[in-house]
Amino acid sequence: RWEKTLRDTWAPEPYVFFEKDGVYRARMFAPDIGIAE
């Protein structure tokens, strides 16, 4: 799905985050540049 949806876009690397009381927890996936997470 990533190859169809994001690979050829301006921002192919998803940065997923959760916020509570101004503090963030995040994960970043970057298959486009060879980094799984």
PDB file of all heavy atoms in Angstrom:
ATOM      1  N   ARG A   1       0.830  -1.206   0.000  1.00  0.00           N
ATOM      2  CA  ARG A   1       0.000   0.000   0.000  1.00  0.00           C
ATOM      3  C   ARG A   1       0.866   1.259   0.000  1.00  0.00           C
ATOM      4  O   ARG A   1       0.527   2.254  -0.643  1.00  0.00           O
ATOM      5  CB  ARG A   1      -0.929  -0.004   1.213  1.00  0.00           C
ATOM      6  CG  ARG A   1      -2.098  -0.968   1.088  1.00  0.00           C
ATOM      7  CD  ARG A   1      -3.039  -0.836   2.266  1.00  0.00           C
ATOM      8  NE  ARG A   1      -4.217  -1.661   2.134  1.00  0.00           N
ATOM      9  CZ  ARG A   1      -5.333  -1.294   1.511  1.00  0.00           C
ATOM     10  NH1 ARG A   1      -5.418  -0.101   0.957  1.00  0.00           N
ATOM     11  NH2 ARG A   1      -6.375  -2.107   1.450  1.00  0.00           N
ATOM     12  N   TRP A   2       1.987   1.238   0.743  1.00  0.00           N
ATOM     13  CA  TRP A   2       2.876   2.397   0.780  1.00  0.00           C
ATOM     14  C   TRP A   2       3.391   2.735  -0.617  1.00  0.00           C
ATOM     15  O   TRP A   2       3.453   3.906  -1.001  1.00  0.00           O
ATOM     16  CB  TRP A   2       4.049   2.117   1.727  1.00  0.00           C
ATOM     17  CG  TRP A   2       5.092   3.196   1.718  1.00  0.00           C
ATOM     18  CD1 TRP A   2       5.066   4.369   2.401  1.00  0.00           C
ATOM     19  CD2 TRP A   2       6.307   3.189   0.971  1.00  0.00           C
ATOM     20  NE1 TRP A   2       6.197   5.105   2.126  1.00  0.00           N
ATOM     21  CE2 TRP A   2       6.971   4.400   1.244  1.00  0.00           C
ATOM     22  CE3 TRP A   2       6.902   2.282   0.087  1.00  0.00           C
ATOM     23  CZ2 TRP A   2       8.198   4.728   0.676  1.00  0.00           C
ATOM     24  CZ3 TRP A   2       8.120   2.601  -0.478  1.00  0.00           C
ATOM     25  CH2 TRP A   2       8.754   3.800  -0.185  1.00  0.00           C
ATOM     26  N   GLU A   3       3.753   1.715  -1.381  1.00  0.00           N
ATOM     27  CA  GLU A   3       4.259   1.957  -2.731  1.00  0.00           C
ATOM     28  C   GLU A   3       3.203   2.619  -3.618  1.00  0.00           C
ATOM     29  O   GLU A   3       3.528   3.467  -4.453  1.00  0.00           O
ATOM     30  CB  GLU A   3       4.736   0.648  -3.352  1.00  0.00           C
ATOM     31  CG  GLU A   3       6.038   0.146  -2.738  1.00  0.00           C
ATOM     32  CD  GLU A   3       6.454  -1.205  -3.271  1.00  0.00           C
ATOM     33  OE1 GLU A   3       5.672  -1.788  -4.073  1.00  0.00           O
ATOM     34  OE2 GLU A   3       7.540  -1.676  -2.899  1.00  0.00           O
ATOM     35  N   LYS A   4       1.941   2.281  -3.405  1.00  0.00           N
ATOM     36  CA  LYS A   4       0.876   2.866  -4.217  1.00  0.00           C
ATOM     37  C   LYS A   4       0.440   4.238  -3.708  1.00  0.00           C
ATOM     38  O   LYS A   4       0.065   5.113  -4.485  1.00  0.00           O
ATOM     39  CB  LYS A   4      -0.338   1.932  -4.237  1.00  0.00           C
ATOM     40  CG  LYS A   4      -0.089   0.606  -4.937  1.00  0.00           C
ATOM     41  CD  LYS A   4      -1.326  -0.282  -4.863  1.00  0.00           C
ATOM     42  CE  LYS A   4      -1.097  -1.619  -5.556  1.00  0.00           C
ATOM     43  NZ  LYS A   4      -2.287  -2.508  -5.434  1.00  0.00           N
ATOM     44  N   THR A   5       0.501   4.422  -2.384  1.00  0.00           N
ATOM     45  CA  THR A   5      -0.086   5.616  -1.771  1.00  0.00           C
ATOM     46  C   THR A   5       0.923   6.734  -1.524  1.00  0.00           C
ATOM     47  O   THR A   5       0.613   7.908  -1.735  1.00  0.00           O
ATOM     48  CB  THR A   5      -0.751   5.243  -0.429  1.00  0.00           C
ATOM     49  OG1 THR A   5      -1.698   4.209  -0.658  1.00  0.00           O
ATOM     50  CG2 THR A   5      -1.457   6.444   0.183  1.00  0.00           C
ATOM     51  N   LEU A   6       2.137   6.393  -1.089  1.00  0.00           N
ATOM     52  CA  LEU A   6       3.065   7.430  -0.617  1.00  0.00           C
ATOM     53  C   LEU A   6       4.410   7.470  -1.331  1.00  0.00           C
ATOM     54  O   LEU A   6       5.065   8.520  -1.337  1.00  0.00           O
ATOM     55  CB  LEU A   6       3.328   7.237   0.884  1.00  0.00           C
ATOM     56  CG  LEU A   6       2.161   7.538   1.830  1.00  0.00           C
ATOM     57  CD1 LEU A   6       2.573   7.246   3.276  1.00  0.00           C
ATOM     58  CD2 LEU A   6       1.725   8.994   1.697  1.00  0.00           C
ATOM     59  N   ARG A   7       4.833   6.380  -1.905  1.00  0.00           N
ATOM     60  CA  ARG A   7       6.211   6.301  -2.389  1.00  0.00           C
ATOM     61  C   ARG A   7       6.594   7.466  -3.300  1.00  0.00           C
ATOM     62  O   ARG A   7       7.688   8.028  -3.162  1.00  0.00           O
ATOM     63  CB  ARG A   7       6.441   4.984  -3.125  1.00  0.00           C
ATOM     64  CG  ARG A   7       7.876   4.838  -3.592  1.00  0.00           C
ATOM     65  CD  ARG A   7       8.165   3.462  -4.128  1.00  0.00           C
ATOM     66  NE  ARG A   7       9.579   3.278  -4.383  1.00  0.00           N
ATOM     67  CZ  ARG A   7      10.132   2.119  -4.678  1.00  0.00           C
ATOM     68  NH1 ARG A   7       9.386   1.037  -4.760  1.00  0.00           N
ATOM     69  NH2 ARG A   7      11.426   2.036  -4.892  1.00  0.00           N
ATOM     70  N   ASP A   8       5.743   7.850  -4.208  1.00  0.00           N
ATOM     71  CA  ASP A   8       6.093   8.880  -5.191  1.00  0.00           C
ATOM     72  C   ASP A   8       5.567  10.259  -4.822  1.00  0.00           C
ATOM     73  O   ASP A   8       5.502  11.150  -5.667  1.00  0.00           O
ATOM     74  CB  ASP A   8       5.570   8.470  -6.576  1.00  0.00           C
ATOM     75  CG  ASP A   8       6.236   7.193  -7.076  1.00  0.00           C
ATOM     76  OD1 ASP A   8       7.440   7.015  -6.817  1.00  0.00           O
ATOM     77  OD2 ASP A   8       5.549   6.379  -7.711  1.00  0.00           O
ATOM     78  N   THR A   9       5.213  10.458  -3.548  1.00  0.00           N
ATOM     79  CA  THR A   9       4.700  11.756  -3.122  1.00  0.00           C
ATOM     80  C   THR A   9       5.825  12.603  -2.539  1.00  0.00           C
ATOM     81  O   THR A   9       6.950  12.139  -2.332  1.00  0.00           O
ATOM     82  CB  THR A   9       3.588  11.600  -2.073  1.00  0.00           C
ATOM     83  OG1 THR A   9       4.147  11.020  -0.880  1.00  0.00           O
ATOM     84  CG2 THR A   9       2.468  10.711  -2.597  1.00  0.00           C
ATOM     85  N   TRP A  10       5.500  13.870  -2.247  1.00  0.00           N
ATOM     86  CA  TRP A  10       6.486  14.810  -1.708  1.00  0.00           C
ATOM     87  C   TRP A  10       7.004  14.358  -0.344  1.00  0.00           C
ATOM     88  O   TRP A  10       8.171  14.582  -0.017  1.00  0.00           O
ATOM     89  CB  TRP A  10       5.831  16.186  -1.597  1.00  0.00           C
ATOM     90  CG  TRP A  10       6.733  17.288  -1.115  1.00  0.00           C
ATOM     91  CD1 TRP A  10       7.829  17.800  -1.767  1.00  0.00           C
ATOM     92  CD2 TRP A  10       6.604  18.044   0.103  1.00  0.00           C
ATOM     93  NE1 TRP A  10       8.384  18.821  -1.023  1.00  0.00           N
ATOM     94  CE2 TRP A  10       7.661  18.991   0.117  1.00  0.00           C
ATOM     95  CE3 TRP A  10       5.696  17.998   1.166  1.00  0.00           C
ATOM     96  CZ2 TRP A  10       7.831  19.894   1.167  1.00  0.00           C
ATOM     97  CZ3 TRP A  10       5.863  18.907   2.208  1.00  0.00           C
ATOM     98  CH2 TRP A  10       6.919  19.839   2.201  1.00  0.00           C
ATOM     99  N   ALA A  11       6.149  13.731   0.464  1.00  0.00           N
ATOM    100  CA  ALA A  11       6.515  13.321   1.820  1.00  0.00           C
ATOM    101  C   ALA A  11       6.204  11.840   2.002  1.00  0.00           C
ATOM    102  O   ALA A  11       5.177  11.476   2.578  1.00  0.00           O
ATOM    103  CB  ALA A  11       5.779  14.162   2.856  1.00  0.00           C
ATOM    104  N   PRO A  12       7.077  10.947   1.528  1.00  0.00           N
ATOM    105  CA  PRO A  12       6.769   9.510   1.586  1.00  0.00           C
ATOM    106  C   PRO A  12       6.989   8.873   2.955  1.00  0.00           C
ATOM    107  O   PRO A  12       6.577   7.737   3.165  1.00  0.00           O
ATOM    108  CB  PRO A  12       7.733   8.913   0.556  1.00  0.00           C
ATOM    109  CG  PRO A  12       8.878   9.867   0.512  1.00  0.00           C
ATOM    110  CD  PRO A  12       8.298  11.228   0.768  1.00  0.00           C
ATOM    111  N   GLU A  13       7.641   9.591   3.898  1.00  0.00           N
ATOM    112  CA  GLU A  13       7.951   9.020   5.202  1.00  0.00           C
ATOM    113  C   GLU A  13       6.894   9.390   6.233  1.00  0.00           C
ATOM    114  O   GLU A  13       6.777  10.560   6.619  1.00  0.00           O
ATOM    115  CB  GLU A  13       9.317   9.508   5.708  1.00  0.00           C
ATOM    116  CG  GLU A  13      10.483   8.697   5.206  1.00  0.00           C
ATOM    117  CD  GLU A  13      10.755   8.847   3.728  1.00  0.00           C
ATOM    118  OE1 GLU A  13      11.102   9.934   3.289  1.00  0.00           O
ATOM    119  OE2 GLU A  13      10.598   7.849   3.007  1.00  0.00           O
ATOM    120  N   PRO A  14       6.100   8.450   6.732  1.00  0.00           N
ATOM    121  CA  PRO A  14       5.080   8.768   7.735  1.00  0.00           C
ATOM    122  C   PRO A  14       5.671   8.891   9.140  1.00  0.00           C
ATOM    123  O   PRO A  14       6.464   8.054   9.572  1.00  0.00           O
ATOM    124  CB  PRO A  14       4.095   7.602   7.659  1.00  0.00           C
ATOM    125  CG  PRO A  14       4.702   6.572   6.810  1.00  0.00           C
ATOM    126  CD  PRO A  14       5.986   7.069   6.255  1.00  0.00           C
ATOM    127  N   TYR A  15       5.272   9.957   9.827  1.00  0.00           N
ATOM    128  CA  TYR A  15       5.660  10.203  11.216  1.00  0.00           C
ATOM    129  C   TYR A  15       4.372  10.155  12.019  1.00  0.00           C
ATOM    130  O   TYR A  15       3.552  11.061  11.978  1.00  0.00           O
ATOM    131  CB  TYR A  15       6.330  11.572  11.327  1.00  0.00           C
ATOM    132  CG  TYR A  15       7.007  11.842  12.653  1.00  0.00           C
ATOM    133  CD1 TYR A  15       8.325  11.451  12.868  1.00  0.00           C
ATOM    134  CD2 TYR A  15       6.348  12.504  13.676  1.00  0.00           C
ATOM    135  CE1 TYR A  15       8.966  11.705  14.075  1.00  0.00           C
ATOM    136  CE2 TYR A  15       6.983  12.760  14.879  1.00  0.00           C
ATOM    137  CZ  TYR A  15       8.288  12.368  15.067  1.00  0.00           C
ATOM    138  OH  TYR A  15       8.919  12.626  16.269  1.00  0.00           O
ATOM    139  N   VAL A  16       4.167   9.045  12.727  1.00  0.00           N
ATOM    140  CA  VAL A  16       2.913   8.783  13.423  1.00  0.00           C
ATOM    141  C   VAL A  16       3.083   9.209  14.881  1.00  0.00           C
ATOM    142  O   VAL A  16       4.087   8.861  15.512  1.00  0.00           O
ATOM    143  CB  VAL A  16       2.543   7.292  13.340  1.00  0.00           C
ATOM    144  CG1 VAL A  16       1.135   7.054  13.868  1.00  0.00           C
ATOM    145  CG2 VAL A  16       2.672   6.787  11.904  1.00  0.00           C
ATOM    146  N   PHE A  17       2.107   9.950  15.419  1.00  0.00           N
ATOM    147  CA  PHE A  17       2.300  10.452  16.782  1.00  0.00           C
ATOM    148  C   PHE A  17       1.004  10.454  17.585  1.00  0.00           C
ATOM    149  O   PHE A  17      -0.097  10.511  17.049  1.00  0.00           O
ATOM    150  CB  PHE A  17       2.894  11.870  16.756  1.00  0.00           C
ATOM    151  CG  PHE A  17       1.954  12.933  16.238  1.00  0.00           C
ATOM    152  CD1 PHE A  17       1.130  13.650  17.106  1.00  0.00           C
ATOM    153  CD2 PHE A  17       1.873  13.218  14.882  1.00  0.00           C
ATOM    154  CE1 PHE A  17       0.253  14.620  16.636  1.00  0.00           C
ATOM    155  CE2 PHE A  17       1.000  14.181  14.407  1.00  0.00           C
ATOM    156  CZ  PHE A  17       0.188  14.886  15.291  1.00  0.00           C
ATOM    157  N   PHE A  18       1.194  10.410  18.903  1.00  0.00           N
ATOM    158  CA  PHE A  18       0.113  10.529  19.880  1.00  0.00           C
ATOM    159  C   PHE A  18       0.500  11.631  20.847  1.00  0.00           C
ATOM    160  O   PHE A  18       1.650  11.717  21.279  1.00  0.00           O
ATOM    161  CB  PHE A  18      -0.082   9.207  20.620  1.00  0.00           C
ATOM    162  CG  PHE A  18      -0.970   9.310  21.835  1.00  0.00           C
ATOM    163  CD1 PHE A  18      -2.349   9.405  21.698  1.00  0.00           C
ATOM    164  CD2 PHE A  18      -0.422   9.315  23.111  1.00  0.00           C
ATOM    165  CE1 PHE A  18      -3.164   9.504  22.819  1.00  0.00           C
ATOM    166  CE2 PHE A  18      -1.235   9.410  24.243  1.00  0.00           C
ATOM    167  CZ  PHE A  18      -2.610   9.506  24.084  1.00  0.00           C
ATOM    168  N   GLU A  19      -0.461  12.471  21.207  1.00  0.00           N
ATOM    169  CA  GLU A  19      -0.189  13.605  22.105  1.00  0.00           C
ATOM    170  C   GLU A  19      -1.091  13.565  23.325  1.00  0.00           C
ATOM    171  O   GLU A  19      -2.272  13.253  23.233  1.00  0.00           O
ATOM    172  CB  GLU A  19      -0.406  14.930  21.365  1.00  0.00           C
ATOM    173  CG  GLU A  19      -0.114  16.172  22.191  1.00  0.00           C
ATOM    174  CD  GLU A  19      -1.324  16.701  22.930  1.00  0.00           C
ATOM    175  OE1 GLU A  19      -2.448  16.444  22.456  1.00  0.00           O
ATOM    176  OE2 GLU A  19      -1.155  17.372  23.972  1.00  0.00           O
ATOM    177  N   LYS A  20      -0.510  13.854  24.483  1.00  0.00           N
ATOM    178  CA  LYS A  20      -1.280  14.001  25.706  1.00  0.00           C
ATOM    179  C   LYS A  20      -0.604  15.054  26.575  1.00  0.00           C
ATOM    180  O   LYS A  20       0.588  14.936  26.892  1.00  0.00           O
ATOM    181  CB  LYS A  20      -1.387  12.687  26.474  1.00  0.00           C
ATOM    182  CG  LYS A  20      -2.262  12.783  27.726  1.00  0.00           C
ATOM    183  CD  LYS A  20      -2.403  11.442  28.428  1.00  0.00           C
ATOM    184  CE  LYS A  20      -3.296  11.557  29.653  1.00  0.00           C
ATOM    185  NZ  LYS A  20      -3.436  10.250  30.358  1.00  0.00           N
ATOM    186  N   ASP A  21      -1.364  16.092  26.921  1.00  0.00           N
ATOM    187  CA  ASP A  21      -0.879  17.168  27.804  1.00  0.00           C
ATOM    188  C   ASP A  21       0.409  17.797  27.280  1.00  0.00           C
ATOM    189  O   ASP A  21       1.327  18.137  28.044  1.00  0.00           O
ATOM    190  CB  ASP A  21      -0.658  16.640  29.218  1.00  0.00           C
ATOM    191  CG  ASP A  21      -1.948  16.096  29.846  1.00  0.00           C
ATOM    192  OD1 ASP A  21      -3.023  16.631  29.523  1.00  0.00           O
ATOM    193  OD2 ASP A  21      -1.858  15.131  30.629  1.00  0.00           O
ATOM    194  N   GLY A  22       0.500  17.960  25.964  1.00  0.00           N
ATOM    195  CA  GLY A  22       1.646  18.643  25.376  1.00  0.00           C
ATOM    196  C   GLY A  22       2.897  17.798  25.238  1.00  0.00           C
ATOM    197  O   GLY A  22       3.939  18.289  24.797  1.00  0.00           O
ATOM    198  N   VAL A  23       2.820  16.522  25.609  1.00  0.00           N
ATOM    199  CA  VAL A  23       3.951  15.605  25.448  1.00  0.00           C
ATOM    200  C   VAL A  23       3.604  14.628  24.328  1.00  0.00           C
ATOM    201  O   VAL A  23       2.492  14.099  24.272  1.00  0.00           O
ATOM    202  CB  VAL A  23       4.252  14.840  26.745  1.00  0.00           C
ATOM    203  CG1 VAL A  23       5.383  13.835  26.537  1.00  0.00           C
ATOM    204  CG2 VAL A  23       4.622  15.815  27.857  1.00  0.00           C
ATOM    205  N   TYR A  24       4.572  14.383  23.455  1.00  0.00           N
ATOM    206  CA  TYR A  24       4.315  13.585  22.261  1.00  0.00           C
ATOM    207  C   TYR A  24       5.080  12.264  22.315  1.00  0.00           C
ATOM    208  O   TYR A  24       6.200  12.194  22.819  1.00  0.00           O
ATOM    209  CB  TYR A  24       4.743  14.362  21.014  1.00  0.00           C
ATOM    210  CG  TYR A  24       3.936  15.607  20.771  1.00  0.00           C
ATOM    211  CD1 TYR A  24       4.280  16.809  21.393  1.00  0.00           C
ATOM    212  CD2 TYR A  24       2.821  15.586  19.952  1.00  0.00           C
ATOM    213  CE1 TYR A  24       3.536  17.963  21.185  1.00  0.00           C
ATOM    214  CE2 TYR A  24       2.063  16.731  19.738  1.00  0.00           C
ATOM    215  CZ  TYR A  24       2.425  17.904  20.367  1.00  0.00           C
ATOM    216  OH  TYR A  24       1.674  19.035  20.164  1.00  0.00           O
ATOM    217  N   ARG A  25       4.445  11.239  21.785  1.00  0.00           N
ATOM    218  CA  ARG A  25       5.099   9.950  21.552  1.00  0.00           C
ATOM    219  C   ARG A  25       4.960   9.667  20.064  1.00  0.00           C
ATOM    220  O   ARG A  25       3.866   9.845  19.495  1.00  0.00           O
ATOM    221  CB  ARG A  25       4.421   8.869  22.370  1.00  0.00           C
ATOM    222  CG  ARG A  25       5.052   7.520  22.157  1.00  0.00           C
ATOM    223  CD  ARG A  25       5.883   6.986  23.281  1.00  0.00           C
ATOM    224  NE  ARG A  25       5.630   5.535  23.292  1.00  0.00           N
ATOM    225  CZ  ARG A  25       5.057   4.892  24.272  1.00  0.00           C
ATOM    226  NH1 ARG A  25       4.695   5.534  25.361  1.00  0.00           N
ATOM    227  NH2 ARG A  25       4.856   3.602  24.184  1.00  0.00           N
ATOM    228  N   ALA A  26       6.049   9.234  19.447  1.00  0.00           N
ATOM    229  CA  ALA A  26       6.040   9.154  17.988  1.00  0.00           C
ATOM    230  C   ALA A  26       6.803   7.936  17.479  1.00  0.00           C
ATOM    231  O   ALA A  26       7.635   7.345  18.184  1.00  0.00           O
ATOM    232  CB  ALA A  26       6.643  10.429  17.399  1.00  0.00           C
ATOM    233  N   ARG A  27       6.495   7.596  16.221  1.00  0.00           N
ATOM    234  CA  ARG A  27       7.230   6.575  15.479  1.00  0.00           C
ATOM    235  C   ARG A  27       7.416   7.092  14.057  1.00  0.00           C
ATOM    236  O   ARG A  27       6.525   7.753  13.511  1.00  0.00           O
ATOM    237  CB  ARG A  27       6.475   5.245  15.469  1.00  0.00           C
ATOM    238  CG  ARG A  27       6.225   4.679  16.852  1.00  0.00           C
ATOM    239  CD  ARG A  27       5.405   3.404  16.780  1.00  0.00           C
ATOM    240  NE  ARG A  27       6.157   2.292  16.191  1.00  0.00           N
ATOM    241  CZ  ARG A  27       5.634   1.121  15.888  1.00  0.00           C
ATOM    242  NH1 ARG A  27       4.334   0.909  16.083  1.00  0.00           N
ATOM    243  NH2 ARG A  27       6.378   0.161  15.378  1.00  0.00           N
ATOM    244  N   MET A  28       8.575   6.787  13.465  1.00  0.00           N
ATOM    245  CA  MET A  28       8.839   7.231  12.098  1.00  0.00           C
ATOM    246  C   MET A  28       9.285   6.051  11.250  1.00  0.00           C
ATOM    247  O   MET A  28      10.201   5.316  11.611  1.00  0.00           O
ATOM    248  CB  MET A  28       9.911   8.321  12.083  1.00  0.00           C
ATOM    249  CG  MET A  28       9.942   9.137  10.774  1.00  0.00           C
ATOM    250  SD  MET A  28      10.708   8.313   9.357  1.00  0.00           S
ATOM    251  CE  MET A  28      12.440   8.516   9.755  1.00  0.00           C
ATOM    252  N   PHE A  29       8.603   5.884  10.111  1.00  0.00           N
ATOM    253  CA  PHE A  29       8.905   4.806   9.171  1.00  0.00           C
ATOM    254  C   PHE A  29       9.441   5.421   7.879  1.00  0.00           C
ATOM    255  O   PHE A  29       8.853   6.357   7.342  1.00  0.00           O
ATOM    256  CB  PHE A  29       7.648   3.991   8.874  1.00  0.00           C
ATOM    257  CG  PHE A  29       6.971   3.459  10.105  1.00  0.00           C
ATOM    258  CD1 PHE A  29       5.900   4.133  10.682  1.00  0.00           C
ATOM    259  CD2 PHE A  29       7.400   2.274  10.699  1.00  0.00           C
ATOM    260  CE1 PHE A  29       5.268   3.645  11.811  1.00  0.00           C
ATOM    261  CE2 PHE A  29       6.770   1.779  11.840  1.00  0.00           C
ATOM    262  CZ  PHE A  29       5.706   2.464  12.395  1.00  0.00           C
ATOM    263  N   ALA A  30      10.565   4.879   7.377  1.00  0.00           N
ATOM    264  CA  ALA A  30      11.178   5.501   6.194  1.00  0.00           C
ATOM    265  C   ALA A  30      11.685   4.467   5.202  1.00  0.00           C
ATOM    266  O   ALA A  30      12.889   4.388   4.927  1.00  0.00           O
ATOM    267  CB  ALA A  30      12.313   6.420   6.629  1.00  0.00           C
ATOM    268  N   PRO A  31      10.796   3.653   4.618  1.00  0.00           N
ATOM    269  CA  PRO A  31      11.259   2.664   3.641  1.00  0.00           C
ATOM    270  C   PRO A  31      11.894   3.296   2.408  1.00  0.00           C
ATOM    271  O   PRO A  31      12.734   2.679   1.757  1.00  0.00           O
ATOM    272  CB  PRO A  31       9.971   1.899   3.276  1.00  0.00           C
ATOM    273  CG  PRO A  31       8.850   2.810   3.663  1.00  0.00           C
ATOM    274  CD  PRO A  31       9.338   3.580   4.839  1.00  0.00           C
ATOM    275  N   ASP A  32      11.527   4.555   2.110  1.00  0.00           N
ATOM    276  CA  ASP A  32      12.053   5.219   0.916  1.00  0.00           C
ATOM    277  C   ASP A  32      13.553   5.454   1.014  1.00  0.00           C
ATOM    278  O   ASP A  32      14.237   5.516  -0.007  1.00  0.00           O
ATOM    279  CB  ASP A  32      11.329   6.549   0.707  1.00  0.00           C
ATOM    280  CG  ASP A  32      11.616   7.144  -0.660  1.00  0.00           C
ATOM    281  OD1 ASP A  32      11.481   6.419  -1.667  1.00  0.00           O
ATOM    282  OD2 ASP A  32      11.983   8.339  -0.734  1.00  0.00           O
ATOM    283  N   ILE A  33      14.085   5.596   2.237  1.00  0.00           N
ATOM    284  CA  ILE A  33      15.518   5.844   2.395  1.00  0.00           C
ATOM    285  C   ILE A  33      16.213   4.690   3.114  1.00  0.00           C
ATOM    286  O   ILE A  33      17.292   4.842   3.671  1.00  0.00           O
ATOM    287  CB  ILE A  33      15.792   7.180   3.128  1.00  0.00           C
ATOM    288  CG1 ILE A  33      15.054   7.246   4.469  1.00  0.00           C
ATOM    289  CG2 ILE A  33      15.409   8.351   2.253  1.00  0.00           C
ATOM    290  CD1 ILE A  33      15.355   8.507   5.276  1.00  0.00           C
ATOM    291  N   GLY A  34      15.576   3.537   3.119  1.00  0.00           N
ATOM    292  CA  GLY A  34      16.217   2.341   3.626  1.00  0.00           C
ATOM    293  C   GLY A  34      16.163   2.167   5.128  1.00  0.00           C
ATOM    294  O   GLY A  34      16.953   1.408   5.691  1.00  0.00           O
ATOM    295  N   ILE A  35      15.223   2.849   5.815  1.00  0.00           N
ATOM    296  CA  ILE A  35      15.095   2.727   7.262  1.00  0.00           C
ATOM    297  C   ILE A  35      13.705   2.189   7.583  1.00  0.00           C
ATOM    298  O   ILE A  35      12.703   2.867   7.351  1.00  0.00           O
ATOM    299  CB  ILE A  35      15.301   4.087   7.957  1.00  0.00           C
ATOM    300  CG1 ILE A  35      16.696   4.646   7.636  1.00  0.00           C
ATOM    301  CG2 ILE A  35      15.128   3.955   9.460  1.00  0.00           C
ATOM    302  CD1 ILE A  35      16.903   6.062   8.113  1.00  0.00           C
ATOM    303  N   ALA A  36      13.646   0.973   8.109  1.00  0.00           N
ATOM    304  CA  ALA A  36      12.342   0.385   8.421  1.00  0.00           C
ATOM    305  C   ALA A  36      11.623   1.218   9.477  1.00  0.00           C
ATOM    306  O   ALA A  36      10.441   1.555   9.327  1.00  0.00           O
ATOM    307  CB  ALA A  36      12.515  -1.048   8.886  1.00  0.00           C
ATOM    308  N   GLU A  37      12.332   1.530  10.579  1.00  0.00           N
ATOM    309  CA  GLU A  37      11.802   2.409  11.611  1.00  0.00           C
ATOM    310  C   GLU A  37      12.975   3.095  12.287  1.00  0.00           C
ATOM    311  O   GLU A  37      14.024   2.475  12.505  1.00  0.00           O
ATOM    312  CB  GLU A  37      10.961   1.647  12.640  1.00  0.00           C
ATOM    313  CG  GLU A  37      10.358   2.576  13.691  1.00  0.00           C
ATOM    314  CD  GLU A  37       9.387   1.887  14.646  1.00  0.00           C
ATOM    315  OE1 GLU A  37       9.079   0.696  14.424  1.00  0.00           O
ATOM    316  OE2 GLU A  37       8.936   2.540  15.621  1.00  0.00           O
TER     317      GLU A  37
END
